Amino acid sequence: MNSNPQDGTSVKKYGLALHTASRELGLAISNFAGDSRCQTWNLDRDLATHLHQYLVEFIGPQTWGDLAFIAVAKGPGGFTGTRMGMVTARTLAQQLDIPVFAVSTLAAVAWAEPPQPPLAKGGLLSAEPPLAKGGLLNTEPPQPPLAKGGLLRDDMALQMPAQRGQLFGAVYSVNKDSGLIELFPETVMTPESWHEKLDNWGNSYQLIEVGSELGWSVSSVLELAYLEWQMGSRPDWSDALPFYGQHPVKGH
């Protein structure tokens, strides 16, 4: 039986997040009451060798029994790394009988991205790791001046290189209380189709180029999962699925 609270909104234990969708391994843990930490390692092809070792070392002094939920970056990203993180999260959640939240790689970057001055169409920002004092998880990301309803004035368009000359693209609006609103779902397309989408976008937006090292955004994966937890969501481990967007083999 799941002993975690099903009706309240507070996390009495800890949330754990994994990000393996890029060359970096990112891990974050928090009880959202002052005890938080996150760490990244650039493992590249050694991810499969070191993931479980680093995970076991990172979680201490907490134990698996201290976890109330798990969050995992579901992609887009590297096929093997994304799959490895998803399998690990699903297995842990199943064994511990706790929820697992699958969070978009692009959504995590959008949530982590610090506010920027408005850009004209075609202006490009680069997603860089935010600086955090002591490496601690910041559960309240910085917010720019808000428009009515708590929404940022500009939408956030994110683009990420995909295989075979294509791009992953998505557009979000950020709400300080309820998280992200998906305005255009993560989709793989040609650069021409993506640029046409943005040219016809009806609102001002910030365009963010998502890089290849994304473990630093693991804290955002955890924060977005916590927002869903607070709203009462308790997704079963079997509902956590990766988003690849493309088959790793050309022609499929």
C-alpha atoms as a PDB file:
ATOM      1  CA  MET A   1       0.000   0.000   0.000  1.00  0.00           C
ATOM      2  CA  ASN A   2       1.200   3.484  -0.804  1.00  0.00           C
ATOM      3  CA  SER A   3       1.772   5.305   2.471  1.00  0.00           C
ATOM      4  CA  ASN A   4       2.283   8.733   0.882  1.00  0.00           C
ATOM      5  CA  PRO A   5      -0.407  11.360   1.452  1.00  0.00           C
ATOM      6  CA  GLN A   6      -3.029  11.259  -1.290  1.00  0.00           C
ATOM      7  CA  ASP A   7      -5.267  14.127  -0.224  1.00  0.00           C
ATOM      8  CA  GLY A   8      -2.937  16.854   1.068  1.00  0.00           C
ATOM      9  CA  THR A   9      -0.675  19.004  -1.033  1.00  0.00           C
ATOM     10  CA  SER A  10       2.459  19.013   1.125  1.00  0.00           C
ATOM     11  CA  VAL A  11       5.383  16.703   0.536  1.00  0.00           C
ATOM     12  CA  LYS A  12       6.126  15.063   3.877  1.00  0.00           C
ATOM     13  CA  LYS A  13       9.130  13.261   2.392  1.00  0.00           C
ATOM     14  CA  TYR A  14      11.433  14.034  -0.539  1.00  0.00           C
ATOM     15  CA  GLY A  15      11.159  14.354  -4.288  1.00  0.00           C
ATOM     16  CA  LEU A  16      13.979  12.984  -6.458  1.00  0.00           C
ATOM     17  CA  ALA A  17      14.645  14.026 -10.071  1.00  0.00           C
ATOM     18  CA  LEU A  18      16.829  12.420 -12.753  1.00  0.00           C
ATOM     19  CA  HIS A  19      17.961  14.015 -16.007  1.00  0.00           C
ATOM     20  CA  THR A  20      19.777  11.686 -18.406  1.00  0.00           C
ATOM     21  CA  ALA A  21      18.535  13.049 -21.736  1.00  0.00           C
ATOM     22  CA  SER A  22      21.840  14.711 -22.633  1.00  0.00           C
ATOM     23  CA  ARG A  23      25.558  14.092 -22.147  1.00  0.00           C
ATOM     24  CA  GLU A  24      25.185  15.279 -18.557  1.00  0.00           C
ATOM     25  CA  LEU A  25      23.706  13.346 -15.673  1.00  0.00           C
ATOM     26  CA  GLY A  26      21.667  15.619 -13.444  1.00  0.00           C
ATOM     27  CA  LEU A  27      20.258  14.635 -10.031  1.00  0.00           C
ATOM     28  CA  ALA A  28      18.207  16.743  -7.626  1.00  0.00           C
ATOM     29  CA  ILE A  29      16.477  16.028  -4.321  1.00  0.00           C
ATOM     30  CA  SER A  30      14.372  18.221  -2.056  1.00  0.00           C
ATOM     31  CA  ASN A  31      11.802  18.098   0.726  1.00  0.00           C
ATOM     32  CA  PHE A  32      10.677  21.617  -0.346  1.00  0.00           C
ATOM     33  CA  ALA A  33      11.106  22.786   3.209  1.00  0.00           C
ATOM     34  CA  GLY A  34      14.717  23.920   3.200  1.00  0.00           C
ATOM     35  CA  ASP A  35      16.633  20.700   2.503  1.00  0.00           C
ATOM     36  CA  SER A  36      17.587  20.639  -1.194  1.00  0.00           C
ATOM     37  CA  ARG A  37      20.578  19.824  -3.337  1.00  0.00           C
ATOM     38  CA  CYS A  38      21.410  19.111  -6.973  1.00  0.00           C
ATOM     39  CA  GLN A  39      24.494  17.970  -8.863  1.00  0.00           C
ATOM     40  CA  THR A  40      25.582  17.295 -12.438  1.00  0.00           C
ATOM     41  CA  TRP A  41      28.260  15.130 -14.032  1.00  0.00           C
ATOM     42  CA  ASN A  42      29.408  15.191 -17.652  1.00  0.00           C
ATOM     43  CA  LEU A  43      29.438  11.444 -18.281  1.00  0.00           C
ATOM     44  CA  ASP A  44      28.753  11.332 -22.020  1.00  0.00           C
ATOM     45  CA  ARG A  45      29.050   7.663 -23.064  1.00  0.00           C
ATOM     46  CA  ASP A  46      29.872   6.536 -19.520  1.00  0.00           C
ATOM     47  CA  LEU A  47      26.342   7.238 -18.309  1.00  0.00           C
ATOM     48  CA  ALA A  48      25.326   3.580 -18.434  1.00  0.00           C
ATOM     49  CA  THR A  49      28.391   2.619 -16.392  1.00  0.00           C
ATOM     50  CA  HIS A  50      28.067   5.206 -13.620  1.00  0.00           C
ATOM     51  CA  LEU A  51      24.362   6.132 -13.346  1.00  0.00           C
ATOM     52  CA  HIS A  52      23.410   3.760 -10.557  1.00  0.00           C
ATOM     53  CA  GLN A  53      26.618   4.328  -8.611  1.00  0.00           C
ATOM     54  CA  TYR A  54      26.175   8.099  -8.662  1.00  0.00           C
ATOM     55  CA  LEU A  55      22.496   7.785  -7.824  1.00  0.00           C
ATOM     56  CA  VAL A  56      23.149   5.660  -4.741  1.00  0.00           C
ATOM     57  CA  GLU A  57      25.902   8.002  -3.559  1.00  0.00           C
ATOM     58  CA  PHE A  58      23.864  11.133  -4.239  1.00  0.00           C
ATOM     59  CA  ILE A  59      20.736  10.140  -2.353  1.00  0.00           C
ATOM     60  CA  GLY A  60      22.499   9.797   1.011  1.00  0.00           C
ATOM     61  CA  PRO A  61      21.909  10.675   3.790  1.00  0.00           C
ATOM     62  CA  GLN A  62      18.332  10.114   2.656  1.00  0.00           C
ATOM     63  CA  THR A  63      17.120   6.594   1.891  1.00  0.00           C
ATOM     64  CA  TRP A  64      14.782   5.224  -0.775  1.00  0.00           C
ATOM     65  CA  GLY A  65      12.059   5.104   1.851  1.00  0.00           C
ATOM     66  CA  ASP A  66      12.289   8.881   2.240  1.00  0.00           C
ATOM     67  CA  LEU A  67      11.012   9.458  -1.306  1.00  0.00           C
ATOM     68  CA  ALA A  68       7.437  10.622  -1.916  1.00  0.00           C
ATOM     69  CA  PHE A  69       7.792  10.859  -5.704  1.00  0.00           C
ATOM     70  CA  ILE A  70      10.277  10.677  -8.568  1.00  0.00           C
ATOM     71  CA  ALA A  71      10.597  13.038 -11.545  1.00  0.00           C
ATOM     72  CA  VAL A  72      12.447  12.288 -14.767  1.00  0.00           C
ATOM     73  CA  ALA A  73      13.294  14.171 -17.952  1.00  0.00           C
ATOM     74  CA  LYS A  74      11.374  12.336 -20.680  1.00  0.00           C
ATOM     75  CA  GLY A  75      13.068  13.922 -23.706  1.00  0.00           C
ATOM     76  CA  PRO A  76      13.572  15.046 -26.342  1.00  0.00           C
ATOM     77  CA  GLY A  77      17.240  14.217 -26.126  1.00  0.00           C
ATOM     78  CA  GLY A  78      19.641  11.377 -26.680  1.00  0.00           C
ATOM     79  CA  PHE A  79      17.827   8.103 -27.326  1.00  0.00           C
ATOM     80  CA  THR A  80      19.919   5.852 -25.090  1.00  0.00           C
ATOM     81  CA  GLY A  81      20.266   8.298 -22.212  1.00  0.00           C
ATOM     82  CA  THR A  82      16.581   9.220 -22.210  1.00  0.00           C
ATOM     83  CA  ARG A  83      15.586   5.559 -22.205  1.00  0.00           C
ATOM     84  CA  MET A  84      18.010   4.766 -19.376  1.00  0.00           C
ATOM     85  CA  GLY A  85      16.666   7.519 -17.130  1.00  0.00           C
ATOM     86  CA  MET A  86      13.072   6.572 -17.837  1.00  0.00           C
ATOM     87  CA  VAL A  87      13.654   2.880 -17.092  1.00  0.00           C
ATOM     88  CA  THR A  88      15.445   3.757 -13.845  1.00  0.00           C
ATOM     89  CA  ALA A  89      12.687   6.121 -12.698  1.00  0.00           C
ATOM     90  CA  ARG A  90       9.908   3.684 -13.595  1.00  0.00           C
ATOM     91  CA  THR A  91      11.647   0.793 -11.844  1.00  0.00           C
ATOM     92  CA  LEU A  92      12.257   2.766  -8.658  1.00  0.00           C
ATOM     93  CA  ALA A  93       8.710   4.119  -8.600  1.00  0.00           C
ATOM     94  CA  GLN A  94       7.234   0.666  -9.127  1.00  0.00           C
ATOM     95  CA  GLN A  95       9.334  -0.893  -6.374  1.00  0.00           C
ATOM     96  CA  LEU A  96       8.715   1.965  -3.933  1.00  0.00           C
ATOM     97  CA  ASP A  97       5.021   2.313  -4.888  1.00  0.00           C
ATOM     98  CA  ILE A  98       5.300   6.062  -5.456  1.00  0.00           C
ATOM     99  CA  PRO A  99       4.309   8.354  -8.351  1.00  0.00           C
ATOM    100  CA  VAL A 100       6.670   9.239 -11.178  1.00  0.00           C
ATOM    101  CA  PHE A 101       6.373  12.495 -13.136  1.00  0.00           C
ATOM    102  CA  ALA A 102       7.738  12.555 -16.696  1.00  0.00           C
ATOM    103  CA  VAL A 103       8.738  16.138 -17.565  1.00  0.00           C
ATOM    104  CA  SER A 104       9.642  17.500 -20.987  1.00  0.00           C
ATOM    105  CA  THR A 105      13.274  18.452 -21.515  1.00  0.00           C
ATOM    106  CA  LEU A 106      12.154  21.638 -23.264  1.00  0.00           C
ATOM    107  CA  ALA A 107       9.669  22.478 -20.518  1.00  0.00           C
ATOM    108  CA  ALA A 108      12.414  22.182 -17.909  1.00  0.00           C
ATOM    109  CA  VAL A 109      14.630  24.625 -19.805  1.00  0.00           C
ATOM    110  CA  ALA A 110      11.728  27.057 -20.203  1.00  0.00           C
ATOM    111  CA  TRP A 111      11.088  26.951 -16.453  1.00  0.00           C
ATOM    112  CA  ALA A 112      14.764  27.435 -15.617  1.00  0.00           C
ATOM    113  CA  GLU A 113      15.463  30.179 -18.138  1.00  0.00           C
ATOM    114  CA  PRO A 114      15.961  33.534 -16.362  1.00  0.00           C
ATOM    115  CA  PRO A 115      13.875  36.446 -17.619  1.00  0.00           C
ATOM    116  CA  GLN A 116      15.318  38.379 -20.545  1.00  0.00           C
ATOM    117  CA  PRO A 117      14.480  41.713 -22.167  1.00  0.00           C
ATOM    118  CA  PRO A 118      11.898  41.296 -24.944  1.00  0.00           C
ATOM    119  CA  LEU A 119      13.433  40.444 -28.306  1.00  0.00           C
ATOM    120  CA  ALA A 120      12.223  41.201 -31.780  1.00  0.00           C
ATOM    121  CA  LYS A 121      11.265  38.231 -33.918  1.00  0.00           C
ATOM    122  CA  GLY A 122      14.300  36.196 -34.806  1.00  0.00           C
ATOM    123  CA  GLY A 123      16.188  37.194 -31.647  1.00  0.00           C
ATOM    124  CA  LEU A 124      17.902  34.135 -30.193  1.00  0.00           C
ATOM    125  CA  LEU A 125      18.778  33.360 -26.601  1.00  0.00           C
ATOM    126  CA  SER A 126      21.014  30.518 -25.486  1.00  0.00           C
ATOM    127  CA  ALA A 127      19.951  28.381 -22.548  1.00  0.00           C
ATOM    128  CA  GLU A 128      22.752  28.382 -19.986  1.00  0.00           C
ATOM    129  CA  PRO A 129      22.891  26.822 -16.520  1.00  0.00           C
ATOM    130  CA  PRO A 130      21.636  29.284 -13.880  1.00  0.00           C
ATOM    131  CA  LEU A 131      24.008  30.084 -11.032  1.00  0.00           C
ATOM    132  CA  ALA A 132      22.866  28.838  -7.637  1.00  0.00           C
ATOM    133  CA  LYS A 133      24.481  29.553  -4.285  1.00  0.00           C
ATOM    134  CA  GLY A 134      26.070  26.418  -2.922  1.00  0.00           C
ATOM    135  CA  GLY A 135      24.460  24.273  -5.594  1.00  0.00           C
ATOM    136  CA  LEU A 136      21.132  24.334  -3.750  1.00  0.00           C
ATOM    137  CA  LEU A 137      17.844  23.861  -5.512  1.00  0.00           C
ATOM    138  CA  ASN A 138      15.934  27.098  -5.906  1.00  0.00           C
ATOM    139  CA  THR A 139      12.264  26.198  -5.642  1.00  0.00           C
ATOM    140  CA  GLU A 140      11.203  29.707  -6.644  1.00  0.00           C
ATOM    141  CA  PRO A 141      12.732  30.538 -10.041  1.00  0.00           C
ATOM    142  CA  PRO A 142      13.285  34.231 -10.720  1.00  0.00           C
ATOM    143  CA  GLN A 143      10.332  35.954 -12.339  1.00  0.00           C
ATOM    144  CA  PRO A 144      10.215  39.100 -14.497  1.00  0.00           C
ATOM    145  CA  PRO A 145       7.439  41.672 -14.160  1.00  0.00           C
ATOM    146  CA  LEU A 146       4.107  39.925 -14.583  1.00  0.00           C
ATOM    147  CA  ALA A 147       1.138  40.769 -16.712  1.00  0.00           C
ATOM    148  CA  LYS A 148      -2.439  40.245 -15.515  1.00  0.00           C
ATOM    149  CA  GLY A 149      -3.191  36.702 -14.416  1.00  0.00           C
ATOM    150  CA  GLY A 150       0.384  35.982 -13.362  1.00  0.00           C
ATOM    151  CA  LEU A 151       1.581  35.216 -16.901  1.00  0.00           C
ATOM    152  CA  LEU A 152       4.841  36.366 -18.392  1.00  0.00           C
ATOM    153  CA  ARG A 153       4.374  39.003 -21.079  1.00  0.00           C
ATOM    154  CA  ASP A 154       6.322  37.005 -23.659  1.00  0.00           C
ATOM    155  CA  ASP A 155       5.837  33.408 -24.698  1.00  0.00           C
ATOM    156  CA  MET A 156       8.918  31.200 -24.625  1.00  0.00           C
ATOM    157  CA  ALA A 157       9.773  29.389 -27.876  1.00  0.00           C
ATOM    158  CA  LEU A 158      12.423  26.694 -27.555  1.00  0.00           C
ATOM    159  CA  GLN A 159      14.303  24.995 -30.355  1.00  0.00           C
ATOM    160  CA  MET A 160      16.661  22.052 -30.059  1.00  0.00           C
ATOM    161  CA  PRO A 161      18.675  20.279 -32.770  1.00  0.00           C
ATOM    162  CA  ALA A 162      17.279  16.903 -33.806  1.00  0.00           C
ATOM    163  CA  GLN A 163      18.724  14.245 -36.077  1.00  0.00           C
ATOM    164  CA  ARG A 164      18.870  14.491 -39.853  1.00  0.00           C
ATOM    165  CA  GLY A 165      18.796  18.283 -39.987  1.00  0.00           C
ATOM    166  CA  GLN A 166      15.495  18.704 -38.181  1.00  0.00           C
ATOM    167  CA  LEU A 167      14.539  20.619 -35.031  1.00  0.00           C
ATOM    168  CA  PHE A 168      12.490  20.016 -31.931  1.00  0.00           C
ATOM    169  CA  GLY A 169      10.293  23.018 -31.222  1.00  0.00           C
ATOM    170  CA  ALA A 170       7.816  23.963 -28.500  1.00  0.00           C
ATOM    171  CA  VAL A 171       6.235  27.136 -27.117  1.00  0.00           C
ATOM    172  CA  TYR A 172       5.248  27.730 -23.487  1.00  0.00           C
ATOM    173  CA  SER A 173       3.861  30.449 -21.297  1.00  0.00           C
ATOM    174  CA  VAL A 174       5.051  30.501 -17.686  1.00  0.00           C
ATOM    175  CA  ASN A 175       2.762  30.984 -14.691  1.00  0.00           C
ATOM    176  CA  LYS A 176       4.401  31.586 -11.332  1.00  0.00           C
ATOM    177  CA  ASP A 177       1.730  29.610  -9.482  1.00  0.00           C
ATOM    178  CA  SER A 178       0.706  26.741 -11.760  1.00  0.00           C
ATOM    179  CA  GLY A 179       3.845  26.175 -13.829  1.00  0.00           C
ATOM    180  CA  LEU A 180       3.906  26.017 -17.604  1.00  0.00           C
ATOM    181  CA  ILE A 181       1.104  26.350 -20.096  1.00  0.00           C
ATOM    182  CA  GLU A 182       1.845  24.443 -23.296  1.00  0.00           C
ATOM    183  CA  LEU A 183       0.950  26.658 -26.253  1.00  0.00           C
ATOM    184  CA  PHE A 184       2.578  24.506 -28.932  1.00  0.00           C
ATOM    185  CA  PRO A 185       3.526  20.912 -28.033  1.00  0.00           C
ATOM    186  CA  GLU A 186       7.053  19.644 -28.555  1.00  0.00           C
ATOM    187  CA  THR A 187       7.245  18.625 -32.200  1.00  0.00           C
ATOM    188  CA  VAL A 188      10.000  17.562 -34.562  1.00  0.00           C
ATOM    189  CA  MET A 189      10.005  19.441 -37.867  1.00  0.00           C
ATOM    190  CA  THR A 190      12.187  20.975 -40.517  1.00  0.00           C
ATOM    191  CA  PRO A 191      13.833  24.320 -39.703  1.00  0.00           C
ATOM    192  CA  GLU A 192      11.689  25.889 -42.442  1.00  0.00           C
ATOM    193  CA  SER A 193       8.450  24.665 -40.854  1.00  0.00           C
ATOM    194  CA  TRP A 194       9.541  25.855 -37.411  1.00  0.00           C
ATOM    195  CA  HIS A 195      10.504  29.302 -38.660  1.00  0.00           C
ATOM    196  CA  GLU A 196       7.194  29.566 -40.492  1.00  0.00           C
ATOM    197  CA  LYS A 197       5.419  28.673 -37.240  1.00  0.00           C
ATOM    198  CA  LEU A 198       7.262  31.434 -35.400  1.00  0.00           C
ATOM    199  CA  ASP A 199       6.758  33.977 -38.174  1.00  0.00           C
ATOM    200  CA  ASN A 200       3.019  33.440 -37.850  1.00  0.00           C
ATOM    201  CA  TRP A 201       3.013  33.371 -34.050  1.00  0.00           C
ATOM    202  CA  GLY A 202       0.426  35.822 -32.776  1.00  0.00           C
ATOM    203  CA  ASN A 203       2.269  36.956 -29.655  1.00  0.00           C
ATOM    204  CA  SER A 204       5.709  38.281 -28.793  1.00  0.00           C
ATOM    205  CA  TYR A 205       8.130  35.569 -27.730  1.00  0.00           C
ATOM    206  CA  GLN A 206      11.633  34.804 -26.555  1.00  0.00           C
ATOM    207  CA  LEU A 207      13.436  32.283 -28.751  1.00  0.00           C
ATOM    208  CA  ILE A 208      15.762  29.995 -26.801  1.00  0.00           C
ATOM    209  CA  GLU A 209      18.331  27.665 -28.333  1.00  0.00           C
ATOM    210  CA  VAL A 210      18.538  24.502 -26.234  1.00  0.00           C
ATOM    211  CA  GLY A 211      22.043  23.061 -26.099  1.00  0.00           C
ATOM    212  CA  SER A 212      23.434  19.556 -25.746  1.00  0.00           C
ATOM    213  CA  GLU A 213      24.326  19.626 -22.038  1.00  0.00           C
ATOM    214  CA  LEU A 214      21.129  19.813 -20.006  1.00  0.00           C
ATOM    215  CA  GLY A 215      21.757  18.072 -16.703  1.00  0.00           C
ATOM    216  CA  TRP A 216      21.782  21.479 -15.004  1.00  0.00           C
ATOM    217  CA  SER A 217      18.009  21.802 -15.624  1.00  0.00           C
ATOM    218  CA  VAL A 218      17.252  18.798 -13.389  1.00  0.00           C
ATOM    219  CA  SER A 219      16.157  21.165 -10.616  1.00  0.00           C
ATOM    220  CA  SER A 220      13.449  22.468 -12.954  1.00  0.00           C
ATOM    221  CA  VAL A 221      12.321  18.906 -13.649  1.00  0.00           C
ATOM    222  CA  LEU A 222      11.842  18.480  -9.894  1.00  0.00           C
ATOM    223  CA  GLU A 223      10.119  21.841  -9.440  1.00  0.00           C
ATOM    224  CA  LEU A 224       7.621  21.217 -12.239  1.00  0.00           C
ATOM    225  CA  ALA A 225       6.845  17.779 -10.821  1.00  0.00           C
ATOM    226  CA  TYR A 226       6.308  19.325  -7.388  1.00  0.00           C
ATOM    227  CA  LEU A 227       3.807  21.793  -8.821  1.00  0.00           C
ATOM    228  CA  GLU A 228       1.820  18.863 -10.221  1.00  0.00           C
ATOM    229  CA  TRP A 229       2.112  17.075  -6.884  1.00  0.00           C
ATOM    230  CA  GLN A 230       0.706  20.127  -5.116  1.00  0.00           C
ATOM    231  CA  MET A 231      -2.274  20.081  -7.485  1.00  0.00           C
ATOM    232  CA  GLY A 232      -3.023  16.510  -6.472  1.00  0.00           C
ATOM    233  CA  SER A 233      -1.557  14.619  -9.416  1.00  0.00           C
ATOM    234  CA  ARG A 234      -0.258  11.121  -8.584  1.00  0.00           C
ATOM    235  CA  PRO A 235       0.738   9.516 -11.924  1.00  0.00           C
ATOM    236  CA  ASP A 236       1.408   5.794 -11.916  1.00  0.00           C
ATOM    237  CA  TRP A 237       4.854   4.598 -12.970  1.00  0.00           C
ATOM    238  CA  SER A 238       3.333   2.878 -16.017  1.00  0.00           C
ATOM    239  CA  ASP A 239       2.140   6.244 -17.366  1.00  0.00           C
ATOM    240  CA  ALA A 240       5.684   7.628 -17.589  1.00  0.00           C
ATOM    241  CA  LEU A 241       6.764   7.332 -21.210  1.00  0.00           C
ATOM    242  CA  PRO A 242       9.755   8.777 -23.076  1.00  0.00           C
ATOM    243  CA  PHE A 243       9.417  11.288 -25.898  1.00  0.00           C
ATOM    244  CA  TYR A 244      11.885  10.553 -28.669  1.00  0.00           C
ATOM    245  CA  GLY A 245      10.223  12.400 -31.541  1.00  0.00           C
ATOM    246  CA  GLN A 246      12.369  10.529 -34.044  1.00  0.00           C
ATOM    247  CA  HIS A 247      13.449   6.975 -34.582  1.00  0.00           C
ATOM    248  CA  PRO A 248      17.216   6.672 -34.009  1.00  0.00           C
ATOM    249  CA  VAL A 249      17.608   4.800 -37.300  1.00  0.00           C
ATOM    250  CA  LYS A 250      17.088   6.709 -40.541  1.00  0.00           C
ATOM    251  CA  GLY A 251      14.090   5.568 -42.577  1.00  0.00           C
ATOM    252  CA  HIS A 252      11.977   4.449 -39.613  1.00  0.00           C
END
